[in-house]
Amino acid sequence: MSAWIWGLLIFQFILAFFTYKFLYRRRKRICSHLGMNVAMVAGGGMALGTGILLIYEFPIYYMEVTVLASLAGMVAGSLFGGMFDNQTLLTGYISGLMTGMMAPMIGAAASYSVAFAIMMEFFVLCSFLMLFKAAKSVRKT
């Protein structure tokens, strides 16, 4: 069971890295409204995926998993939001923090269902793909 969890977790971080690189090149064209959504999706998505997968891997260490999921969400939200302005950075930070606090509870309540974890990772993947699409459709000004 452990290998697929770590595989999904690594995939999630690689996806976030490539999304960040893609958006960083287009950051000047992205307005503050889209920037806020980017920061919230990135922070929340990273915290959600990390929290659910880590609580599946380490069900006994609830507090530690909550801290790691919150940190992953706060860092991702801050990095993605920091591309735009301070208000967007704060929005990403708080979104990652709040989602990181809730994600292990969601994972534990799902009774460690493999199907649920895969569905949530699919949600995170689709969310990051929507960020690609939204940034691609922004026109040059």
N, C-alpha and C. Protein backbone atom coordinates (compact mmCIF):
# COMPACT_ATOMS: atom_id res chain seq x y z
N MET A 1 0.82 -1.19 0.00
CA MET A 1 0.00 0.00 0.00
C MET A 1 0.86 1.25 0.00
N SER A 2 2.00 1.18 0.54
CA SER A 2 2.86 2.35 0.71
C SER A 2 3.40 2.90 -0.60
N ALA A 3 3.72 2.04 -1.55
CA ALA A 3 4.36 2.50 -2.79
C ALA A 3 3.43 3.40 -3.60
N TRP A 4 2.16 3.07 -3.69
CA TRP A 4 1.25 3.90 -4.48
C TRP A 4 1.01 5.25 -3.80
N ILE A 5 1.01 5.27 -2.48
CA ILE A 5 0.84 6.54 -1.76
C ILE A 5 2.01 7.47 -2.05
N TRP A 6 3.22 6.94 -1.91
CA TRP A 6 4.40 7.78 -2.16
C TRP A 6 4.49 8.17 -3.63
N GLY A 7 4.07 7.29 -4.52
CA GLY A 7 4.06 7.63 -5.94
C GLY A 7 3.11 8.78 -6.25
N LEU A 8 1.92 8.73 -5.67
CA LEU A 8 0.97 9.83 -5.87
C LEU A 8 1.46 11.13 -5.24
N LEU A 9 2.09 11.02 -4.09
CA LEU A 9 2.60 12.22 -3.42
C LEU A 9 3.72 12.87 -4.23
N ILE A 10 4.62 12.07 -4.74
CA ILE A 10 5.71 12.60 -5.57
C ILE A 10 5.14 13.20 -6.86
N PHE A 11 4.18 12.51 -7.47
CA PHE A 11 3.54 13.03 -8.68
C PHE A 11 2.91 14.39 -8.42
N GLN A 12 2.26 14.52 -7.28
CA GLN A 12 1.60 15.78 -6.93
C GLN A 12 2.61 16.92 -6.81
N PHE A 13 3.74 16.68 -6.17
CA PHE A 13 4.75 17.72 -6.02
C PHE A 13 5.41 18.06 -7.35
N ILE A 14 5.62 17.06 -8.19
CA ILE A 14 6.19 17.33 -9.53
C ILE A 14 5.20 18.14 -10.36
N LEU A 15 3.93 17.80 -10.29
CA LEU A 15 2.90 18.55 -11.00
C LEU A 15 2.87 20.01 -10.53
N ALA A 16 2.96 20.23 -9.24
CA ALA A 16 2.98 21.60 -8.71
C ALA A 16 4.22 22.35 -9.19
N PHE A 17 5.36 21.68 -9.23
CA PHE A 17 6.60 22.32 -9.68
C PHE A 17 6.48 22.78 -11.13
N PHE A 18 5.99 21.90 -12.01
CA PHE A 18 5.87 22.26 -13.42
C PHE A 18 4.79 23.32 -13.63
N THR A 19 3.73 23.28 -12.85
CA THR A 19 2.71 24.31 -12.94
C THR A 19 3.28 25.66 -12.52
N TYR A 20 4.08 25.66 -11.46
CA TYR A 20 4.71 26.91 -11.01
C TYR A 20 5.63 27.48 -12.09
N LYS A 21 6.44 26.61 -12.69
CA LYS A 21 7.33 27.08 -13.75
C LYS A 21 6.54 27.67 -14.92
N PHE A 22 5.47 27.01 -15.30
CA PHE A 22 4.63 27.47 -16.41
C PHE A 22 4.01 28.82 -16.09
N LEU A 23 3.45 28.96 -14.89
CA LEU A 23 2.79 30.20 -14.51
C LEU A 23 3.78 31.33 -14.28
N TYR A 24 4.96 30.99 -13.81
CA TYR A 24 5.95 32.04 -13.53
C TYR A 24 6.31 32.81 -14.79
N ARG A 25 6.40 32.11 -15.91
CA ARG A 25 6.70 32.78 -17.17
C ARG A 25 5.57 33.68 -17.64
N ARG A 26 4.35 33.41 -17.20
CA ARG A 26 3.19 34.18 -17.64
C ARG A 26 2.64 35.09 -16.55
N ARG A 27 3.35 35.26 -15.46
CA ARG A 27 2.84 35.98 -14.30
C ARG A 27 2.49 37.43 -14.59
N LYS A 28 3.18 38.08 -15.50
CA LYS A 28 2.91 39.49 -15.81
C LYS A 28 1.58 39.68 -16.53
N ARG A 29 1.11 38.65 -17.21
CA ARG A 29 -0.14 38.72 -17.96
C ARG A 29 -1.36 38.34 -17.12
N ILE A 30 -1.14 37.78 -15.97
CA ILE A 30 -2.24 37.27 -15.14
C ILE A 30 -2.73 38.38 -14.21
N CYS A 31 -4.03 38.65 -14.24
CA CYS A 31 -4.61 39.71 -13.39
C CYS A 31 -4.69 39.22 -11.94
N SER A 32 -5.01 40.15 -11.05
CA SER A 32 -5.03 39.81 -9.63
C SER A 32 -6.17 38.84 -9.28
N HIS A 33 -7.28 38.90 -10.01
CA HIS A 33 -8.38 37.98 -9.72
C HIS A 33 -8.00 36.54 -10.04
N LEU A 34 -7.40 36.35 -11.20
CA LEU A 34 -6.93 35.01 -11.55
C LEU A 34 -5.79 34.59 -10.63
N GLY A 35 -4.94 35.53 -10.26
CA GLY A 35 -3.85 35.23 -9.33
C GLY A 35 -4.35 34.72 -7.99
N MET A 36 -5.44 35.32 -7.50
CA MET A 36 -6.03 34.85 -6.25
C MET A 36 -6.51 33.41 -6.38
N ASN A 37 -7.17 33.12 -7.48
CA ASN A 37 -7.65 31.75 -7.71
C ASN A 37 -6.50 30.78 -7.85
N VAL A 38 -5.44 31.20 -8.54
CA VAL A 38 -4.26 30.34 -8.68
C VAL A 38 -3.68 30.01 -7.31
N ALA A 39 -3.52 31.02 -6.47
CA ALA A 39 -2.95 30.80 -5.14
C ALA A 39 -3.83 29.89 -4.29
N MET A 40 -5.13 30.08 -4.37
CA MET A 40 -6.04 29.25 -3.56
C MET A 40 -6.07 27.81 -4.05
N VAL A 41 -6.09 27.61 -5.36
CA VAL A 41 -6.09 26.25 -5.91
C VAL A 41 -4.79 25.55 -5.56
N ALA A 42 -3.67 26.24 -5.72
CA ALA A 42 -2.37 25.61 -5.46
C ALA A 42 -2.21 25.28 -3.97
N GLY A 43 -2.48 26.24 -3.11
CA GLY A 43 -2.34 25.99 -1.67
C GLY A 43 -3.31 24.95 -1.16
N GLY A 44 -4.56 25.08 -1.55
CA GLY A 44 -5.57 24.11 -1.12
C GLY A 44 -5.36 22.74 -1.71
N GLY A 45 -5.02 22.66 -2.98
CA GLY A 45 -4.80 21.37 -3.63
C GLY A 45 -3.62 20.62 -3.04
N MET A 46 -2.52 21.33 -2.82
CA MET A 46 -1.35 20.67 -2.24
C MET A 46 -1.63 20.19 -0.82
N ALA A 47 -2.30 21.02 -0.03
CA ALA A 47 -2.61 20.63 1.34
C ALA A 47 -3.58 19.45 1.37
N LEU A 48 -4.58 19.49 0.51
CA LEU A 48 -5.58 18.42 0.49
C LEU A 48 -4.95 17.08 0.10
N GLY A 49 -4.22 17.08 -0.99
CA GLY A 49 -3.58 15.84 -1.43
C GLY A 49 -2.57 15.32 -0.44
N THR A 50 -1.75 16.21 0.09
CA THR A 50 -0.72 15.81 1.05
C THR A 50 -1.34 15.27 2.33
N GLY A 51 -2.34 15.96 2.84
CA GLY A 51 -2.97 15.53 4.09
C GLY A 51 -3.65 14.18 3.98
N ILE A 52 -4.37 13.97 2.90
CA ILE A 52 -5.08 12.70 2.73
C ILE A 52 -4.09 11.55 2.54
N LEU A 53 -3.10 11.75 1.69
CA LEU A 53 -2.14 10.66 1.44
C LEU A 53 -1.30 10.35 2.67
N LEU A 54 -0.87 11.38 3.38
CA LEU A 54 -0.04 11.12 4.56
C LEU A 54 -0.82 10.50 5.71
N ILE A 55 -2.09 10.84 5.87
CA ILE A 55 -2.86 10.20 6.94
C ILE A 55 -3.13 8.73 6.60
N TYR A 56 -3.18 8.41 5.32
CA TYR A 56 -3.30 7.00 4.92
C TYR A 56 -2.01 6.24 5.26
N GLU A 57 -0.88 6.90 5.06
CA GLU A 57 0.41 6.26 5.30
C GLU A 57 0.74 6.19 6.79
N PHE A 58 0.41 7.25 7.54
CA PHE A 58 0.75 7.33 8.97
C PHE A 58 -0.50 7.64 9.79
N PRO A 59 -1.42 6.69 9.95
CA PRO A 59 -2.68 6.99 10.64
C PRO A 59 -2.52 7.29 12.13
N ILE A 60 -1.46 6.84 12.73
CA ILE A 60 -1.25 7.07 14.16
C ILE A 60 -0.77 8.50 14.44
N TYR A 61 -0.04 9.09 13.50
CA TYR A 61 0.61 10.38 13.69
C TYR A 61 -0.26 11.52 13.15
N TYR A 62 -1.42 11.69 13.74
CA TYR A 62 -2.38 12.67 13.24
C TYR A 62 -1.84 14.10 13.33
N MET A 63 -1.28 14.47 14.46
CA MET A 63 -0.78 15.83 14.65
C MET A 63 0.35 16.15 13.68
N GLU A 64 1.29 15.22 13.51
CA GLU A 64 2.41 15.44 12.61
C GLU A 64 1.96 15.56 11.15
N VAL A 65 1.01 14.72 10.78
CA VAL A 65 0.47 14.78 9.41
C VAL A 65 -0.25 16.10 9.18
N THR A 66 -0.98 16.57 10.18
CA THR A 66 -1.67 17.85 10.06
C THR A 66 -0.68 18.99 9.88
N VAL A 67 0.40 18.96 10.62
CA VAL A 67 1.43 20.01 10.50
C VAL A 67 2.08 19.95 9.11
N LEU A 68 2.44 18.76 8.65
CA LEU A 68 3.07 18.63 7.33
C LEU A 68 2.13 19.05 6.20
N ALA A 69 0.86 18.66 6.29
CA ALA A 69 -0.10 19.05 5.26
C ALA A 69 -0.30 20.57 5.27
N SER A 70 -0.38 21.15 6.45
CA SER A 70 -0.53 22.61 6.54
C SER A 70 0.70 23.32 5.99
N LEU A 71 1.88 22.82 6.32
CA LEU A 71 3.10 23.43 5.79
C LEU A 71 3.18 23.33 4.27
N ALA A 72 2.82 22.16 3.73
CA ALA A 72 2.84 21.98 2.28
C ALA A 72 1.88 22.96 1.61
N GLY A 73 0.69 23.11 2.17
CA GLY A 73 -0.29 24.03 1.62
C GLY A 73 0.13 25.48 1.75
N MET A 74 0.68 25.85 2.91
CA MET A 74 1.10 27.23 3.13
C MET A 74 2.27 27.61 2.21
N VAL A 75 3.22 26.70 2.06
CA VAL A 75 4.36 26.99 1.19
C VAL A 75 3.90 27.09 -0.26
N ALA A 76 3.10 26.14 -0.71
CA ALA A 76 2.62 26.19 -2.10
C ALA A 76 1.77 27.43 -2.34
N GLY A 77 0.84 27.71 -1.45
CA GLY A 77 0.00 28.90 -1.61
C GLY A 77 0.80 30.18 -1.59
N SER A 78 1.80 30.25 -0.73
CA SER A 78 2.65 31.44 -0.66
C SER A 78 3.51 31.60 -1.91
N LEU A 79 4.07 30.50 -2.39
CA LEU A 79 4.90 30.59 -3.60
C LEU A 79 4.07 30.99 -4.82
N PHE A 80 2.93 30.35 -5.00
CA PHE A 80 2.09 30.68 -6.14
C PHE A 80 1.52 32.09 -6.00
N GLY A 81 1.08 32.46 -4.80
CA GLY A 81 0.54 33.80 -4.59
C GLY A 81 1.60 34.89 -4.64
N GLY A 82 2.82 34.55 -4.23
CA GLY A 82 3.91 35.52 -4.25
C GLY A 82 4.32 35.96 -5.65
N MET A 83 3.89 35.22 -6.66
CA MET A 83 4.18 35.63 -8.03
C MET A 83 3.44 36.91 -8.40
N PHE A 84 2.37 37.23 -7.68
CA PHE A 84 1.49 38.31 -8.09
C PHE A 84 1.61 39.52 -7.17
N ASP A 85 1.13 39.43 -5.94
CA ASP A 85 1.26 40.54 -4.99
C ASP A 85 1.09 40.01 -3.56
N ASN A 86 1.22 40.90 -2.58
CA ASN A 86 1.16 40.47 -1.18
C ASN A 86 -0.22 39.98 -0.76
N GLN A 87 -1.26 40.58 -1.29
CA GLN A 87 -2.61 40.14 -0.95
C GLN A 87 -2.85 38.73 -1.46
N THR A 88 -2.38 38.44 -2.65
CA THR A 88 -2.53 37.11 -3.22
C THR A 88 -1.68 36.10 -2.45
N LEU A 89 -0.50 36.51 -2.03
CA LEU A 89 0.35 35.65 -1.21
C LEU A 89 -0.38 35.26 0.08
N LEU A 90 -0.98 36.23 0.72
CA LEU A 90 -1.71 35.97 1.97
C LEU A 90 -2.91 35.05 1.73
N THR A 91 -3.59 35.24 0.63
CA THR A 91 -4.73 34.38 0.30
C THR A 91 -4.30 32.93 0.11
N GLY A 92 -3.21 32.73 -0.63
CA GLY A 92 -2.70 31.37 -0.82
C GLY A 92 -2.23 30.75 0.48
N TYR A 93 -1.58 31.55 1.31
CA TYR A 93 -1.08 31.08 2.60
C TYR A 93 -2.23 30.59 3.48
N ILE A 94 -3.26 31.41 3.62
CA ILE A 94 -4.39 31.05 4.48
C ILE A 94 -5.18 29.88 3.91
N SER A 95 -5.34 29.85 2.59
CA SER A 95 -6.04 28.73 1.96
C SER A 95 -5.31 27.42 2.23
N GLY A 96 -3.99 27.43 2.09
CA GLY A 96 -3.19 26.24 2.36
C GLY A 96 -3.26 25.82 3.82
N LEU A 97 -3.23 26.81 4.72
CA LEU A 97 -3.29 26.52 6.15
C LEU A 97 -4.62 25.87 6.52
N MET A 98 -5.72 26.47 6.09
CA MET A 98 -7.04 25.94 6.46
C MET A 98 -7.30 24.57 5.85
N THR A 99 -6.92 24.40 4.59
CA THR A 99 -7.12 23.09 3.96
C THR A 99 -6.22 22.04 4.59
N GLY A 100 -5.00 22.44 4.95
CA GLY A 100 -4.09 21.51 5.61
C GLY A 100 -4.60 21.06 6.96
N MET A 101 -5.32 21.91 7.65
CA MET A 101 -5.91 21.53 8.94
C MET A 101 -7.05 20.52 8.76
N MET A 102 -7.77 20.64 7.64
CA MET A 102 -8.94 19.78 7.44
C MET A 102 -8.63 18.48 6.70
N ALA A 103 -7.60 18.46 5.87
CA ALA A 103 -7.34 17.31 5.00
C ALA A 103 -7.14 16.00 5.76
N PRO A 104 -6.35 15.96 6.85
CA PRO A 104 -6.23 14.67 7.56
C PRO A 104 -7.56 14.18 8.15
N MET A 105 -8.42 15.10 8.56
CA MET A 105 -9.74 14.69 9.06
C MET A 105 -10.57 14.05 7.95
N ILE A 106 -10.48 14.64 6.76
CA ILE A 106 -11.21 14.09 5.62
C ILE A 106 -10.69 12.70 5.29
N GLY A 107 -9.37 12.54 5.28
CA GLY A 107 -8.77 11.24 4.98
C GLY A 107 -9.14 10.19 6.01
N ALA A 108 -9.13 10.57 7.28
CA ALA A 108 -9.50 9.61 8.33
C ALA A 108 -10.98 9.26 8.26
N ALA A 109 -11.81 10.24 7.94
CA ALA A 109 -13.25 9.98 7.84
C ALA A 109 -13.59 9.11 6.63
N ALA A 110 -12.72 9.10 5.63
CA ALA A 110 -12.96 8.29 4.44
C ALA A 110 -12.61 6.82 4.67
N SER A 111 -12.23 6.48 5.88
CA SER A 111 -11.92 5.10 6.27
C SER A 111 -10.80 4.50 5.41
N TYR A 112 -9.85 5.33 5.04
CA TYR A 112 -8.66 4.88 4.32
C TYR A 112 -9.01 4.16 3.01
N SER A 113 -9.98 4.69 2.31
CA SER A 113 -10.44 4.11 1.05
C SER A 113 -9.47 4.48 -0.08
N VAL A 114 -8.99 3.47 -0.79
CA VAL A 114 -8.09 3.69 -1.93
C VAL A 114 -8.81 4.45 -3.03
N ALA A 115 -10.06 4.10 -3.27
CA ALA A 115 -10.83 4.77 -4.31
C ALA A 115 -10.99 6.26 -4.00
N PHE A 116 -11.21 6.58 -2.74
CA PHE A 116 -11.34 7.99 -2.35
C PHE A 116 -10.03 8.74 -2.56
N ALA A 117 -8.91 8.13 -2.18
CA ALA A 117 -7.61 8.79 -2.36
C ALA A 117 -7.32 9.04 -3.84
N ILE A 118 -7.64 8.08 -4.68
CA ILE A 118 -7.41 8.26 -6.12
C ILE A 118 -8.34 9.33 -6.67
N MET A 119 -9.58 9.37 -6.20
CA MET A 119 -10.50 10.41 -6.64
C MET A 119 -10.01 11.80 -6.22
N MET A 120 -9.49 11.92 -5.02
CA MET A 120 -8.98 13.22 -4.56
C MET A 120 -7.74 13.63 -5.33
N GLU A 121 -6.88 12.69 -5.66
CA GLU A 121 -5.71 13.02 -6.47
C GLU A 121 -6.12 13.41 -7.88
N PHE A 122 -7.17 12.78 -8.39
CA PHE A 122 -7.71 13.18 -9.69
C PHE A 122 -8.24 14.61 -9.62
N PHE A 123 -8.88 14.95 -8.51
CA PHE A 123 -9.35 16.32 -8.30
C PHE A 123 -8.19 17.30 -8.30
N VAL A 124 -7.12 16.97 -7.60
CA VAL A 124 -5.94 17.85 -7.56
C VAL A 124 -5.33 17.98 -8.96
N LEU A 125 -5.22 16.88 -9.67
CA LEU A 125 -4.68 16.90 -11.04
C LEU A 125 -5.54 17.80 -11.93
N CYS A 126 -6.84 17.63 -11.89
CA CYS A 126 -7.73 18.47 -12.71
C CYS A 126 -7.64 19.93 -12.32
N SER A 127 -7.47 20.20 -11.03
CA SER A 127 -7.35 21.59 -10.58
C SER A 127 -6.09 22.23 -11.16
N PHE A 128 -4.98 21.52 -11.13
CA PHE A 128 -3.75 22.08 -11.68
C PHE A 128 -3.83 22.19 -13.20
N LEU A 129 -4.51 21.26 -13.85
CA LEU A 129 -4.70 21.36 -15.30
C LEU A 129 -5.55 22.57 -15.66
N MET A 130 -6.52 22.90 -14.80
CA MET A 130 -7.32 24.10 -15.04
C MET A 130 -6.48 25.36 -14.89
N LEU A 131 -5.48 25.32 -14.01
CA LEU A 131 -4.57 26.47 -13.89
C LEU A 131 -3.79 26.66 -15.18
N PHE A 132 -3.33 25.55 -15.78
CA PHE A 132 -2.64 25.63 -17.07
C PHE A 132 -3.55 26.26 -18.11
N LYS A 133 -4.79 25.76 -18.19
CA LYS A 133 -5.73 26.26 -19.19
C LYS A 133 -6.06 27.73 -18.97
N ALA A 134 -6.27 28.13 -17.73
CA ALA A 134 -6.60 29.53 -17.44
C ALA A 134 -5.45 30.46 -17.80
N ALA A 135 -4.24 30.05 -17.49
CA ALA A 135 -3.07 30.89 -17.80
C ALA A 135 -2.80 30.94 -19.30
N LYS A 136 -3.10 29.87 -19.99
CA LYS A 136 -2.88 29.82 -21.43
C LYS A 136 -3.87 30.72 -22.18
N SER A 137 -5.07 30.85 -21.62
CA SER A 137 -6.09 31.64 -22.32
C SER A 137 -5.97 33.13 -22.06
N VAL A 138 -5.07 33.55 -21.17
CA VAL A 138 -4.86 34.98 -20.90
C VAL A 138 -4.15 35.60 -22.10
N ARG A 139 -4.70 36.73 -22.57
CA ARG A 139 -4.11 37.39 -23.74
C ARG A 139 -3.04 38.38 -23.31
N LYS A 140 -2.12 38.63 -24.20
CA LYS A 140 -1.10 39.64 -23.97
C LYS A 140 -1.73 41.03 -23.99
N THR A 141 -1.25 41.89 -23.11
CA THR A 141 -1.76 43.26 -23.10
C THR A 141 -0.73 44.24 -23.58
